[in-house]
Amino acid sequence: MKNLLSSGFVILLLLSACSKKETPGFAADQEVKIHYDTTAVDSFSTGATSVDIVRQIKMSSQKYQDSIKQAEKLKKEEDKLKAELEKENKKKLEEEKKKADAEKKQPTSDASPAAGSKTP
């Protein structure tokens, strides 16, 4: 009788251990396939970025680079114009100084011969 009980217990144990186990929840019977339009940094990490957003970032960065280049060109042109204006202003100032010096020399040279002719 003891052998019969122990053998019955072993058989029940084997049947329960070898039986097909079902996992609880809805995911056991259904296999869900989801199509993602993202590019993940790592397969299970956060920070996945949409493909459209990546394309927009690349386009905006290209536009940004183009605008920077255009701004640099405009700045160079402005600097050139300023340099030319400064050169022209310097030339005008030098010409005015020469004219002023020439005018100062002319009256003094005219006055001295006239004063010298009156004395003899």
PDB file of N, CA and C in Angstrom:
ATOM      1  N   MET A   1       0.798  -1.171   0.000  1.00  0.00           N
ATOM      2  CA  MET A   1       0.000   0.000   0.000  1.00  0.00           C
ATOM      3  C   MET A   1       0.857   1.257   0.000  1.00  0.00           C
ATOM      4  N   LYS A   2       1.945   1.223   0.733  1.00  0.00           N
ATOM      5  CA  LYS A   2       2.838   2.370   0.754  1.00  0.00           C
ATOM      6  C   LYS A   2       3.473   2.578  -0.626  1.00  0.00           C
ATOM      7  N   ASN A   3       3.787   1.476  -1.265  1.00  0.00           N
ATOM      8  CA  ASN A   3       4.377   1.587  -2.602  1.00  0.00           C
ATOM      9  C   ASN A   3       3.365   2.144  -3.606  1.00  0.00           C
ATOM     10  N   LEU A   4       2.135   1.759  -3.463  1.00  0.00           N
ATOM     11  CA  LEU A   4       1.092   2.222  -4.364  1.00  0.00           C
ATOM     12  C   LEU A   4       0.852   3.724  -4.183  1.00  0.00           C
ATOM     13  N   LEU A   5       0.871   4.166  -2.997  1.00  0.00           N
ATOM     14  CA  LEU A   5       0.689   5.591  -2.734  1.00  0.00           C
ATOM     15  C   LEU A   5       1.865   6.422  -3.208  1.00  0.00           C
ATOM     16  N   SER A   6       3.004   5.964  -2.945  1.00  0.00           N
ATOM     17  CA  SER A   6       4.182   6.716  -3.386  1.00  0.00           C
ATOM     18  C   SER A   6       4.307   6.713  -4.903  1.00  0.00           C
ATOM     19  N   SER A   7       3.977   5.594  -5.556  1.00  0.00           N
ATOM     20  CA  SER A   7       4.019   5.566  -7.020  1.00  0.00           C
ATOM     21  C   SER A   7       2.923   6.446  -7.609  1.00  0.00           C
ATOM     22  N   GLY A   8       1.750   6.510  -7.002  1.00  0.00           N
ATOM     23  CA  GLY A   8       0.688   7.393  -7.465  1.00  0.00           C
ATOM     24  C   GLY A   8       1.082   8.857  -7.338  1.00  0.00           C
ATOM     25  N   PHE A   9       1.758   9.183  -6.220  1.00  0.00           N
ATOM     26  CA  PHE A   9       2.222  10.549  -6.016  1.00  0.00           C
ATOM     27  C   PHE A   9       3.255  10.941  -7.061  1.00  0.00           C
ATOM     28  N   VAL A  10       4.170  10.051  -7.389  1.00  0.00           N
ATOM     29  CA  VAL A  10       5.200  10.311  -8.396  1.00  0.00           C
ATOM     30  C   VAL A  10       4.562  10.501  -9.761  1.00  0.00           C
ATOM     31  N   ILE A  11       3.557   9.696 -10.096  1.00  0.00           N
ATOM     32  CA  ILE A  11       2.878   9.816 -11.399  1.00  0.00           C
ATOM     33  C   ILE A  11       2.152  11.155 -11.497  1.00  0.00           C
ATOM     34  N   LEU A  12       1.481  11.569 -10.447  1.00  0.00           N
ATOM     35  CA  LEU A  12       0.806  12.870 -10.448  1.00  0.00           C
ATOM     36  C   LEU A  12       1.812  14.022 -10.588  1.00  0.00           C
ATOM     37  N   LEU A  13       2.897  13.869  -9.934  1.00  0.00           N
ATOM     38  CA  LEU A  13       3.945  14.893 -10.022  1.00  0.00           C
ATOM     39  C   LEU A  13       4.488  14.992 -11.436  1.00  0.00           C
ATOM     40  N   LEU A  14       4.737  13.870 -12.093  1.00  0.00           N
ATOM     41  CA  LEU A  14       5.235  13.865 -13.473  1.00  0.00           C
ATOM     42  C   LEU A  14       4.203  14.438 -14.438  1.00  0.00           C
ATOM     43  N   LEU A  15       2.953  14.081 -14.249  1.00  0.00           N
ATOM     44  CA  LEU A  15       1.905  14.608 -15.130  1.00  0.00           C
ATOM     45  C   LEU A  15       1.764  16.120 -15.001  1.00  0.00           C
ATOM     46  N   SER A  16       1.846  16.632 -13.805  1.00  0.00           N
ATOM     47  CA  SER A  16       1.719  18.079 -13.625  1.00  0.00           C
ATOM     48  C   SER A  16       2.960  18.809 -14.149  1.00  0.00           C
ATOM     49  N   ALA A  17       4.122  18.180 -14.021  1.00  0.00           N
ATOM     50  CA  ALA A  17       5.349  18.825 -14.490  1.00  0.00           C
ATOM     51  C   ALA A  17       5.445  18.801 -16.004  1.00  0.00           C
ATOM     52  N   CYS A  18       4.949  17.777 -16.645  1.00  0.00           N
ATOM     53  CA  CYS A  18       5.078  17.643 -18.090  1.00  0.00           C
ATOM     54  C   CYS A  18       3.890  18.219 -18.856  1.00  0.00           C
ATOM     55  N   SER A  19       2.907  18.714 -18.171  1.00  0.00           N
ATOM     56  CA  SER A  19       1.735  19.235 -18.880  1.00  0.00           C
ATOM     57  C   SER A  19       2.080  20.557 -19.569  1.00  0.00           C
ATOM     58  N   LYS A  20       1.325  20.883 -20.628  1.00  0.00           N
ATOM     59  CA  LYS A  20       1.546  22.116 -21.379  1.00  0.00           C
ATOM     60  C   LYS A  20       1.061  23.293 -20.534  1.00  0.00           C
ATOM     61  N   LYS A  21       1.927  24.236 -20.322  1.00  0.00           N
ATOM     62  CA  LYS A  21       1.573  25.386 -19.509  1.00  0.00           C
ATOM     63  C   LYS A  21       1.228  26.557 -20.427  1.00  0.00           C
ATOM     64  N   GLU A  22       0.197  27.268 -20.086  1.00  0.00           N
ATOM     65  CA  GLU A  22      -0.214  28.448 -20.839  1.00  0.00           C
ATOM     66  C   GLU A  22       0.160  29.683 -20.035  1.00  0.00           C
ATOM     67  N   THR A  23       0.659  30.663 -20.741  1.00  0.00           N
ATOM     68  CA  THR A  23       1.014  31.909 -20.072  1.00  0.00           C
ATOM     69  C   THR A  23      -0.233  32.771 -19.940  1.00  0.00           C
ATOM     70  N   PRO A  24      -0.404  33.395 -18.846  1.00  0.00           N
ATOM     71  CA  PRO A  24      -1.580  34.241 -18.680  1.00  0.00           C
ATOM     72  C   PRO A  24      -1.438  35.531 -19.480  1.00  0.00           C
ATOM     73  N   GLY A  25      -2.533  36.085 -19.943  1.00  0.00           N
ATOM     74  CA  GLY A  25      -2.506  37.350 -20.664  1.00  0.00           C
ATOM     75  C   GLY A  25      -2.939  37.175 -22.100  1.00  0.00           C
ATOM     76  N   PHE A  26      -3.126  38.303 -22.796  1.00  0.00           N
ATOM     77  CA  PHE A  26      -3.611  38.281 -24.175  1.00  0.00           C
ATOM     78  C   PHE A  26      -2.516  38.001 -25.181  1.00  0.00           C
ATOM     79  N   ALA A  27      -1.260  38.215 -24.844  1.00  0.00           N
ATOM     80  CA  ALA A  27      -0.158  38.091 -25.792  1.00  0.00           C
ATOM     81  C   ALA A  27       0.208  36.640 -26.077  1.00  0.00           C
ATOM     82  N   ALA A  28      -0.333  35.672 -25.352  1.00  0.00           N
ATOM     83  CA  ALA A  28       0.045  34.277 -25.537  1.00  0.00           C
ATOM     84  C   ALA A  28      -0.474  33.735 -26.864  1.00  0.00           C
ATOM     85  N   ASP A  29      -1.666  34.103 -27.243  1.00  0.00           N
ATOM     86  CA  ASP A  29      -2.259  33.555 -28.459  1.00  0.00           C
ATOM     87  C   ASP A  29      -1.985  34.428 -29.688  1.00  0.00           C
ATOM     88  N   GLN A  30      -1.768  35.682 -29.483  1.00  0.00           N
ATOM     89  CA  GLN A  30      -1.612  36.595 -30.611  1.00  0.00           C
ATOM     90  C   GLN A  30      -0.152  37.008 -30.756  1.00  0.00           C
ATOM     91  N   GLU A  31       0.251  37.086 -31.987  1.00  0.00           N
ATOM     92  CA  GLU A  31       1.589  37.581 -32.269  1.00  0.00           C
ATOM     93  C   GLU A  31       1.429  38.941 -32.940  1.00  0.00           C
ATOM     94  N   VAL A  32       1.832  39.974 -32.252  1.00  0.00           N
ATOM     95  CA  VAL A  32       1.612  41.332 -32.728  1.00  0.00           C
ATOM     96  C   VAL A  32       2.858  41.801 -33.461  1.00  0.00           C
ATOM     97  N   LYS A  33       2.662  42.216 -34.710  1.00  0.00           N
ATOM     98  CA  LYS A  33       3.766  42.774 -35.494  1.00  0.00           C
ATOM     99  C   LYS A  33       3.461  44.249 -35.721  1.00  0.00           C
ATOM    100  N   ILE A  34       4.372  45.089 -35.296  1.00  0.00           N
ATOM    101  CA  ILE A  34       4.193  46.534 -35.426  1.00  0.00           C
ATOM    102  C   ILE A  34       5.272  47.052 -36.361  1.00  0.00           C
ATOM    103  N   HIS A  35       4.855  47.851 -37.330  1.00  0.00           N
ATOM    104  CA  HIS A  35       5.807  48.465 -38.258  1.00  0.00           C
ATOM    105  C   HIS A  35       6.183  49.841 -37.727  1.00  0.00           C
ATOM    106  N   TYR A  36       7.458  50.041 -37.470  1.00  0.00           N
ATOM    107  CA  TYR A  36       7.941  51.311 -36.956  1.00  0.00           C
ATOM    108  C   TYR A  36       8.610  52.086 -38.086  1.00  0.00           C
ATOM    109  N   ASP A  37       8.376  53.393 -38.092  1.00  0.00           N
ATOM    110  CA  ASP A  37       9.071  54.247 -39.054  1.00  0.00           C
ATOM    111  C   ASP A  37      10.127  55.077 -38.328  1.00  0.00           C
ATOM    112  N   THR A  38      10.798  54.445 -37.408  1.00  0.00           N
ATOM    113  CA  THR A  38      11.812  55.135 -36.617  1.00  0.00           C
ATOM    114  C   THR A  38      13.162  54.470 -36.791  1.00  0.00           C
ATOM    115  N   THR A  39      14.186  55.254 -36.519  1.00  0.00           N
ATOM    116  CA  THR A  39      15.536  54.739 -36.513  1.00  0.00           C
ATOM    117  C   THR A  39      16.008  54.773 -35.071  1.00  0.00           C
ATOM    118  N   ALA A  40      16.190  53.636 -34.475  1.00  0.00           N
ATOM    119  CA  ALA A  40      16.550  53.574 -33.063  1.00  0.00           C
ATOM    120  C   ALA A  40      18.046  53.715 -32.903  1.00  0.00           C
ATOM    121  N   VAL A  41      18.434  54.364 -31.826  1.00  0.00           N
ATOM    122  CA  VAL A  41      19.841  54.467 -31.489  1.00  0.00           C
ATOM    123  C   VAL A  41      20.350  53.079 -31.093  1.00  0.00           C
ATOM    124  N   ASP A  42      19.592  52.408 -30.303  1.00  0.00           N
ATOM    125  CA  ASP A  42      19.846  51.035 -29.896  1.00  0.00           C
ATOM    126  C   ASP A  42      18.512  50.315 -30.027  1.00  0.00           C
ATOM    127  N   SER A  43      18.515  49.023 -30.199  1.00  0.00           N
ATOM    128  CA  SER A  43      17.278  48.307 -30.514  1.00  0.00           C
ATOM    129  C   SER A  43      16.198  48.491 -29.458  1.00  0.00           C
ATOM    130  N   PHE A  44      16.554  48.621 -28.201  1.00  0.00           N
ATOM    131  CA  PHE A  44      15.544  48.768 -27.161  1.00  0.00           C
ATOM    132  C   PHE A  44      15.719  50.047 -26.357  1.00  0.00           C
ATOM    133  N   SER A  45      16.466  50.994 -26.857  1.00  0.00           N
ATOM    134  CA  SER A  45      16.706  52.200 -26.083  1.00  0.00           C
ATOM    135  C   SER A  45      15.699  53.286 -26.450  1.00  0.00           C
ATOM    136  N   THR A  46      15.601  54.237 -25.575  1.00  0.00           N
ATOM    137  CA  THR A  46      14.787  55.412 -25.880  1.00  0.00           C
ATOM    138  C   THR A  46      15.615  56.337 -26.757  1.00  0.00           C
ATOM    139  N   GLY A  47      14.974  57.215 -27.426  1.00  0.00           N
ATOM    140  CA  GLY A  47      15.689  58.141 -28.288  1.00  0.00           C
ATOM    141  C   GLY A  47      15.577  57.782 -29.739  1.00  0.00           C
ATOM    142  N   ALA A  48      14.624  56.965 -30.102  1.00  0.00           N
ATOM    143  CA  ALA A  48      14.409  56.649 -31.503  1.00  0.00           C
ATOM    144  C   ALA A  48      13.868  57.891 -32.190  1.00  0.00           C
ATOM    145  N   THR A  49      14.362  58.162 -33.380  1.00  0.00           N
ATOM    146  CA  THR A  49      13.978  59.364 -34.103  1.00  0.00           C
ATOM    147  C   THR A  49      13.272  58.970 -35.384  1.00  0.00           C
ATOM    148  N   SER A  50      12.217  59.677 -35.686  1.00  0.00           N
ATOM    149  CA  SER A  50      11.450  59.389 -36.888  1.00  0.00           C
ATOM    150  C   SER A  50      12.300  59.659 -38.127  1.00  0.00           C
ATOM    151  N   VAL A  51      12.081  58.877 -39.162  1.00  0.00           N
ATOM    152  CA  VAL A  51      12.841  59.034 -40.398  1.00  0.00           C
ATOM    153  C   VAL A  51      12.559  60.397 -41.011  1.00  0.00           C
ATOM    154  N   ASP A  52      11.295  60.834 -40.956  1.00  0.00           N
ATOM    155  CA  ASP A  52      10.945  62.149 -41.497  1.00  0.00           C
ATOM    156  C   ASP A  52      11.637  63.266 -40.729  1.00  0.00           C
ATOM    157  N   ILE A  53      11.722  63.112 -39.424  1.00  0.00           N
ATOM    158  CA  ILE A  53      12.372  64.137 -38.615  1.00  0.00           C
ATOM    159  C   ILE A  53      13.863  64.188 -38.911  1.00  0.00           C
ATOM    160  N   VAL A  54      14.478  63.036 -39.099  1.00  0.00           N
ATOM    161  CA  VAL A  54      15.905  63.007 -39.447  1.00  0.00           C
ATOM    162  C   VAL A  54      16.135  63.721 -40.772  1.00  0.00           C
ATOM    163  N   ARG A  55      15.256  63.480 -41.747  1.00  0.00           N
ATOM    164  CA  ARG A  55      15.379  64.141 -43.043  1.00  0.00           C
ATOM    165  C   ARG A  55      15.210  65.651 -42.891  1.00  0.00           C
ATOM    166  N   GLN A  56      14.252  66.088 -42.082  1.00  0.00           N
ATOM    167  CA  GLN A  56      14.043  67.512 -41.868  1.00  0.00           C
ATOM    168  C   GLN A  56      15.240  68.148 -41.178  1.00  0.00           C
ATOM    169  N   ILE A  57      15.832  67.424 -40.243  1.00  0.00           N
ATOM    170  CA  ILE A  57      17.012  67.948 -39.554  1.00  0.00           C
ATOM    171  C   ILE A  57      18.156  68.135 -40.544  1.00  0.00           C
ATOM    172  N   LYS A  58      18.359  67.159 -41.412  1.00  0.00           N
ATOM    173  CA  LYS A  58      19.429  67.269 -42.408  1.00  0.00           C
ATOM    174  C   LYS A  58      19.169  68.434 -43.355  1.00  0.00           C
ATOM    175  N   MET A  59      17.913  68.590 -43.784  1.00  0.00           N
ATOM    176  CA  MET A  59      17.581  69.684 -44.697  1.00  0.00           C
ATOM    177  C   MET A  59      17.750  71.033 -44.008  1.00  0.00           C
ATOM    178  N   SER A  60      17.289  71.138 -42.770  1.00  0.00           N
ATOM    179  CA  SER A  60      17.399  72.411 -42.072  1.00  0.00           C
ATOM    180  C   SER A  60      18.859  72.731 -41.777  1.00  0.00           C
ATOM    181  N   SER A  61      19.659  71.732 -41.477  1.00  0.00           N
ATOM    182  CA  SER A  61      21.065  72.009 -41.226  1.00  0.00           C
ATOM    183  C   SER A  61      21.757  72.461 -42.510  1.00  0.00           C
ATOM    184  N   GLN A  62      21.362  71.918 -43.645  1.00  0.00           N
ATOM    185  CA  GLN A  62      21.931  72.361 -44.919  1.00  0.00           C
ATOM    186  C   GLN A  62      21.517  73.807 -45.189  1.00  0.00           C
ATOM    187  N   LYS A  63      20.254  74.113 -44.931  1.00  0.00           N
ATOM    188  CA  LYS A  63      19.784  75.493 -45.105  1.00  0.00           C
ATOM    189  C   LYS A  63      20.537  76.423 -44.167  1.00  0.00           C
ATOM    190  N   TYR A  64      20.759  75.977 -42.947  1.00  0.00           N
ATOM    191  CA  TYR A  64      21.479  76.782 -41.977  1.00  0.00           C
ATOM    192  C   TYR A  64      22.909  77.043 -42.439  1.00  0.00           C
ATOM    193  N   GLN A  65      23.565  76.012 -42.937  1.00  0.00           N
ATOM    194  CA  GLN A  65      24.932  76.183 -43.434  1.00  0.00           C
ATOM    195  C   GLN A  65      24.967  77.152 -44.615  1.00  0.00           C
ATOM    196  N   ASP A  66      23.978  77.036 -45.518  1.00  0.00           N
ATOM    197  CA  ASP A  66      23.914  77.949 -46.658  1.00  0.00           C
ATOM    198  C   ASP A  66      23.698  79.382 -46.193  1.00  0.00           C
ATOM    199  N   SER A  67      22.842  79.571 -45.206  1.00  0.00           N
ATOM    200  CA  SER A  67      22.598  80.924 -44.715  1.00  0.00           C
ATOM    201  C   SER A  67      23.836  81.498 -44.043  1.00  0.00           C
ATOM    202  N   ILE A  68      24.601  80.658 -43.362  1.00  0.00           N
ATOM    203  CA  ILE A  68      25.843  81.133 -42.734  1.00  0.00           C
ATOM    204  C   ILE A  68      26.835  81.576 -43.812  1.00  0.00           C
ATOM    205  N   LYS A  69      26.952  80.783 -44.869  1.00  0.00           N
ATOM    206  CA  LYS A  69      27.863  81.144 -45.955  1.00  0.00           C
ATOM    207  C   LYS A  69      27.441  82.447 -46.607  1.00  0.00           C
ATOM    208  N   GLN A  70      26.147  82.620 -46.806  1.00  0.00           N
ATOM    209  CA  GLN A  70      25.649  83.844 -47.421  1.00  0.00           C
ATOM    210  C   GLN A  70      25.908  85.042 -46.504  1.00  0.00           C
ATOM    211  N   ALA A  71      25.726  84.863 -45.210  1.00  0.00           N
ATOM    212  CA  ALA A  71      25.983  85.941 -44.265  1.00  0.00           C
ATOM    213  C   ALA A  71      27.464  86.329 -44.271  1.00  0.00           C
ATOM    214  N   GLU A  72      28.337  85.341 -44.379  1.00  0.00           N
ATOM    215  CA  GLU A  72      29.773  85.630 -44.442  1.00  0.00           C
ATOM    216  C   GLU A  72      30.120  86.408 -45.706  1.00  0.00           C
ATOM    217  N   LYS A  73      29.504  86.035 -46.829  1.00  0.00           N
ATOM    218  CA  LYS A  73      29.748  86.762 -48.077  1.00  0.00           C
ATOM    219  C   LYS A  73      29.303  88.204 -47.960  1.00  0.00           C
ATOM    220  N   LEU A  74      28.127  88.422 -47.382  1.00  0.00           N
ATOM    221  CA  LEU A  74      27.629  89.784 -47.212  1.00  0.00           C
ATOM    222  C   LEU A  74      28.545  90.596 -46.307  1.00  0.00           C
ATOM    223  N   LYS A  75      29.038  89.974 -45.252  1.00  0.00           N
ATOM    224  CA  LYS A  75      29.930  90.673 -44.337  1.00  0.00           C
ATOM    225  C   LYS A  75      31.234  91.052 -45.038  1.00  0.00           C
ATOM    226  N   LYS A  76      31.768  90.148 -45.853  1.00  0.00           N
ATOM    227  CA  LYS A  76      32.995  90.458 -46.592  1.00  0.00           C
ATOM    228  C   LYS A  76      32.772  91.611 -47.556  1.00  0.00           C
ATOM    229  N   GLU A  77      31.623  91.610 -48.238  1.00  0.00           N
ATOM    230  CA  GLU A  77      31.321  92.700 -49.161  1.00  0.00           C
ATOM    231  C   GLU A  77      31.209  94.022 -48.412  1.00  0.00           C
ATOM    232  N   GLU A  78      30.554  94.018 -47.261  1.00  0.00           N
ATOM    233  CA  GLU A  78      30.436  95.232 -46.467  1.00  0.00           C
ATOM    234  C   GLU A  78      31.808  95.718 -46.010  1.00  0.00           C
ATOM    235  N   ASP A  79      32.661  94.794 -45.599  1.00  0.00           N
ATOM    236  CA  ASP A  79      34.009  95.174 -45.173  1.00  0.00           C
ATOM    237  C   ASP A  79      34.793  95.786 -46.328  1.00  0.00           C
ATOM    238  N   LYS A  80      34.635  95.215 -47.523  1.00  0.00           N
ATOM    239  CA  LYS A  80      35.318  95.773 -48.694  1.00  0.00           C
ATOM    240  C   LYS A  80      34.833  97.183 -48.989  1.00  0.00           C
ATOM    241  N   LEU A  81      33.519  97.372 -48.924  1.00  0.00           N
ATOM    242  CA  LEU A  81      32.959  98.700 -49.180  1.00  0.00           C
ATOM    243  C   LEU A  81      33.436  99.704 -48.139  1.00  0.00           C
ATOM    244  N   LYS A  82      33.472  99.308 -46.876  1.00  0.00           N
ATOM    245  CA  LYS A  82      33.961 100.193 -45.828  1.00  0.00           C
ATOM    246  C   LYS A  82      35.422 100.554 -46.056  1.00  0.00           C
ATOM    247  N   ALA A  83      36.225  99.573 -46.462  1.00  0.00           N
ATOM    248  CA  ALA A  83      37.641  99.836 -46.707  1.00  0.00           C
ATOM    249  C   ALA A  83      37.814 100.812 -47.870  1.00  0.00           C
ATOM    250  N   GLU A  84      37.012 100.632 -48.910  1.00  0.00           N
ATOM    251  CA  GLU A  84      37.087 101.550 -50.053  1.00  0.00           C
ATOM    252  C   GLU A  84      36.668 102.954 -49.650  1.00  0.00           C
ATOM    253  N   LEU A  85      35.625 103.080 -48.868  1.00  0.00           N
ATOM    254  CA  LEU A  85      35.171 104.391 -48.410  1.00  0.00           C
ATOM    255  C   LEU A  85      36.231 105.063 -47.545  1.00  0.00           C
ATOM    256  N   GLU A  86      36.878 104.298 -46.689  1.00  0.00           N
ATOM    257  CA  GLU A  86      37.938 104.858 -45.855  1.00  0.00           C
ATOM    258  C   GLU A  86      39.104 105.347 -46.703  1.00  0.00           C
ATOM    259  N   LYS A  87      39.458 104.586 -47.738  1.00  0.00           N
ATOM    260  CA  LYS A  87      40.541 105.010 -48.627  1.00  0.00           C
ATOM    261  C   LYS A  87      40.169 106.305 -49.341  1.00  0.00           C
ATOM    262  N   GLU A  88      38.937 106.384 -49.839  1.00  0.00           N
ATOM    263  CA  GLU A  88      38.495 107.592 -50.517  1.00  0.00           C
ATOM    264  C   GLU A  88      38.477 108.779 -49.563  1.00  0.00           C
ATOM    265  N   ASN A  89      38.023 108.564 -48.351  1.00  0.00           N
ATOM    266  CA  ASN A  89      38.001 109.656 -47.369  1.00  0.00           C
ATOM    267  C   ASN A  89      39.415 110.121 -47.037  1.00  0.00           C
ATOM    268  N   LYS A  90      40.350 109.183 -46.912  1.00  0.00           N
ATOM    269  CA  LYS A  90      41.736 109.557 -46.639  1.00  0.00           C
ATOM    270  C   LYS A  90      42.313 110.364 -47.792  1.00  0.00           C
ATOM    271  N   LYS A  91      42.014 109.946 -49.025  1.00  0.00           N
ATOM    272  CA  LYS A  91      42.513 110.682 -50.187  1.00  0.00           C
ATOM    273  C   LYS A  91      41.941 112.090 -50.216  1.00  0.00           C
ATOM    274  N   LYS A  92      40.651 112.209 -49.918  1.00  0.00           N
ATOM    275  CA  LYS A  92      40.022 113.537 -49.905  1.00  0.00           C
ATOM    276  C   LYS A  92      40.630 114.415 -48.833  1.00  0.00           C
ATOM    277  N   LEU A  93      40.873 113.850 -47.653  1.00  0.00           N
ATOM    278  CA  LEU A  93      41.486 114.622 -46.580  1.00  0.00           C
ATOM    279  C   LEU A  93      42.895 115.068 -46.949  1.00  0.00           C
ATOM    280  N   GLU A  94      43.655 114.185 -47.587  1.00  0.00           N
ATOM    281  CA  GLU A  94      45.014 114.549 -48.003  1.00  0.00           C
ATOM    282  C   GLU A  94      44.985 115.659 -49.050  1.00  0.00           C
ATOM    283  N   GLU A  95      44.049 115.562 -49.999  1.00  0.00           N
ATOM    284  CA  GLU A  95      43.931 116.604 -51.021  1.00  0.00           C
ATOM    285  C   GLU A  95      43.534 117.933 -50.397  1.00  0.00           C
ATOM    286  N   GLU A  96      42.625 117.906 -49.437  1.00  0.00           N
ATOM    287  CA  GLU A  96      42.213 119.134 -48.767  1.00  0.00           C
ATOM    288  C   GLU A  96      43.373 119.728 -47.983  1.00  0.00           C
ATOM    289  N   LYS A  97      44.171 118.873 -47.334  1.00  0.00           N
ATOM    290  CA  LYS A  97      45.343 119.378 -46.608  1.00  0.00           C
ATOM    291  C   LYS A  97      46.347 120.012 -47.564  1.00  0.00           C
ATOM    292  N   LYS A  98      46.536 119.372 -48.717  1.00  0.00           N
ATOM    293  CA  LYS A  98      47.471 119.936 -49.704  1.00  0.00           C
ATOM    294  C   LYS A  98      46.969 121.276 -50.208  1.00  0.00           C
ATOM    295  N   LYS A  99      45.675 121.359 -50.468  1.00  0.00           N
ATOM    296  CA  LYS A  99      45.097 122.625 -50.929  1.00  0.00           C
ATOM    297  C   LYS A  99      45.223 123.693 -49.853  1.00  0.00           C
ATOM    298  N   ALA A 100      44.969 123.313 -48.615  1.00  0.00           N
ATOM    299  CA  ALA A 100      45.076 124.276 -47.517  1.00  0.00           C
ATOM    300  C   ALA A 100      46.522 124.738 -47.365  1.00  0.00           C
ATOM    301  N   ASP A 101      47.464 123.825 -47.454  1.00  0.00           N
ATOM    302  CA  ASP A 101      48.878 124.194 -47.368  1.00  0.00           C
ATOM    303  C   ASP A 101      49.272 125.095 -48.540  1.00  0.00           C
ATOM    304  N   ALA A 102      48.779 124.764 -49.726  1.00  0.00           N
ATOM    305  CA  ALA A 102      49.092 125.582 -50.897  1.00  0.00           C
ATOM    306  C   ALA A 102      48.497 126.978 -50.756  1.00  0.00           C
ATOM    307  N   GLU A 103      47.304 127.097 -50.213  1.00  0.00           N
ATOM    308  CA  GLU A 103      46.674 128.401 -50.017  1.00  0.00           C
ATOM    309  C   GLU A 103      47.422 129.213 -48.971  1.00  0.00           C
ATOM    310  N   LYS A 104      47.925 128.556 -47.941  1.00  0.00           N
ATOM    311  CA  LYS A 104      48.684 129.262 -46.914  1.00  0.00           C
ATOM    312  C   LYS A 104      50.001 129.769 -47.480  1.00  0.00           C
ATOM    313  N   LYS A 105      50.609 128.992 -48.331  1.00  0.00           N
ATOM    314  CA  LYS A 105      51.895 129.391 -48.902  1.00  0.00           C
ATOM    315  C   LYS A 105      51.722 130.521 -49.915  1.00  0.00           C
ATOM    316  N   GLN A 106      50.668 130.497 -50.677  1.00  0.00           N
ATOM    317  CA  GLN A 106      50.459 131.532 -51.693  1.00  0.00           C
ATOM    318  C   GLN A 106      50.284 132.916 -51.081  1.00  0.00           C
ATOM    319  N   PRO A 107      49.479 133.125 -50.067  1.00  0.00           N
ATOM    320  CA  PRO A 107      49.342 134.487 -49.527  1.00  0.00           C
ATOM    321  C   PRO A 107      50.632 134.985 -48.886  1.00  0.00           C
ATOM    322  N   THR A 108      51.382 134.131 -48.240  1.00  0.00           N
ATOM    323  CA  THR A 108      52.617 134.580 -47.623  1.00  0.00           C
ATOM    324  C   THR A 108      53.652 134.919 -48.690  1.00  0.00           C
ATOM    325  N   SER A 109      53.682 134.181 -49.777  1.00  0.00           N
ATOM    326  CA  SER A 109      54.651 134.485 -50.824  1.00  0.00           C
ATOM    327  C   SER A 109      54.226 135.734 -51.599  1.00  0.00           C
ATOM    328  N   ASP A 110      52.933 135.987 -51.740  1.00  0.00           N
ATOM    329  CA  ASP A 110      52.455 137.198 -52.404  1.00  0.00           C
ATOM    330  C   ASP A 110      52.701 138.429 -51.539  1.00  0.00           C
ATOM    331  N   ALA A 111      52.566 138.305 -50.263  1.00  0.00           N
ATOM    332  CA  ALA A 111      52.705 139.451 -49.348  1.00  0.00           C
ATOM    333  C   ALA A 111      54.167 139.859 -49.222  1.00  0.00           C
ATOM    334  N   SER A 112      55.085 138.968 -49.190  1.00  0.00           N
ATOM    335  CA  SER A 112      56.495 139.336 -49.000  1.00  0.00           C
ATOM    336  C   SER A 112      57.082 140.070 -50.211  1.00  0.00           C
ATOM    337  N   PRO A 113      56.804 139.717 -51.447  1.00  0.00           N
ATOM    338  CA  PRO A 113      57.355 140.535 -52.538  1.00  0.00           C
ATOM    339  C   PRO A 113      56.692 141.909 -52.604  1.00  0.00           C
ATOM    340  N   ALA A 114      55.456 141.990 -52.255  1.00  0.00           N
ATOM    341  CA  ALA A 114      54.784 143.286 -52.285  1.00  0.00           C
ATOM    342  C   ALA A 114      55.350 144.180 -51.200  1.00  0.00           C
ATOM    343  N   ALA A 115      55.627 143.648 -50.062  1.00  0.00           N
ATOM    344  CA  ALA A 115      56.213 144.434 -48.984  1.00  0.00           C
ATOM    345  C   ALA A 115      57.647 144.826 -49.337  1.00  0.00           C
ATOM    346  N   GLY A 116      58.334 143.974 -50.017  1.00  0.00           N
ATOM    347  CA  GLY A 116      59.714 144.272 -50.397  1.00  0.00           C
ATOM    348  C   GLY A 116      59.779 145.335 -51.495  1.00  0.00           C
ATOM    349  N   SER A 117      58.820 145.429 -52.361  1.00  0.00           N
ATOM    350  CA  SER A 117      58.852 146.430 -53.414  1.00  0.00           C
ATOM    351  C   SER A 117      58.527 147.818 -52.905  1.00  0.00           C
ATOM    352  N   LYS A 118      57.810 147.918 -51.805  1.00  0.00           N
ATOM    353  CA  LYS A 118      57.453 149.209 -51.257  1.00  0.00           C
ATOM    354  C   LYS A 118      58.637 149.844 -50.546  1.00  0.00           C
ATOM    355  N   THR A 119      59.526 149.127 -49.959  1.00  0.00           N
ATOM    356  CA  THR A 119      60.640 149.685 -49.226  1.00  0.00           C
ATOM    357  C   THR A 119      61.738 150.255 -50.106  1.00  0.00           C
ATOM    358  N   PRO A 120      62.075 149.802 -51.255  1.00  0.00           N
ATOM    359  CA  PRO A 120      63.185 150.435 -51.970  1.00  0.00           C
ATOM    360  C   PRO A 120      62.867 151.698 -52.652  1.00  0.00           C
TER     361      PRO A 120
END
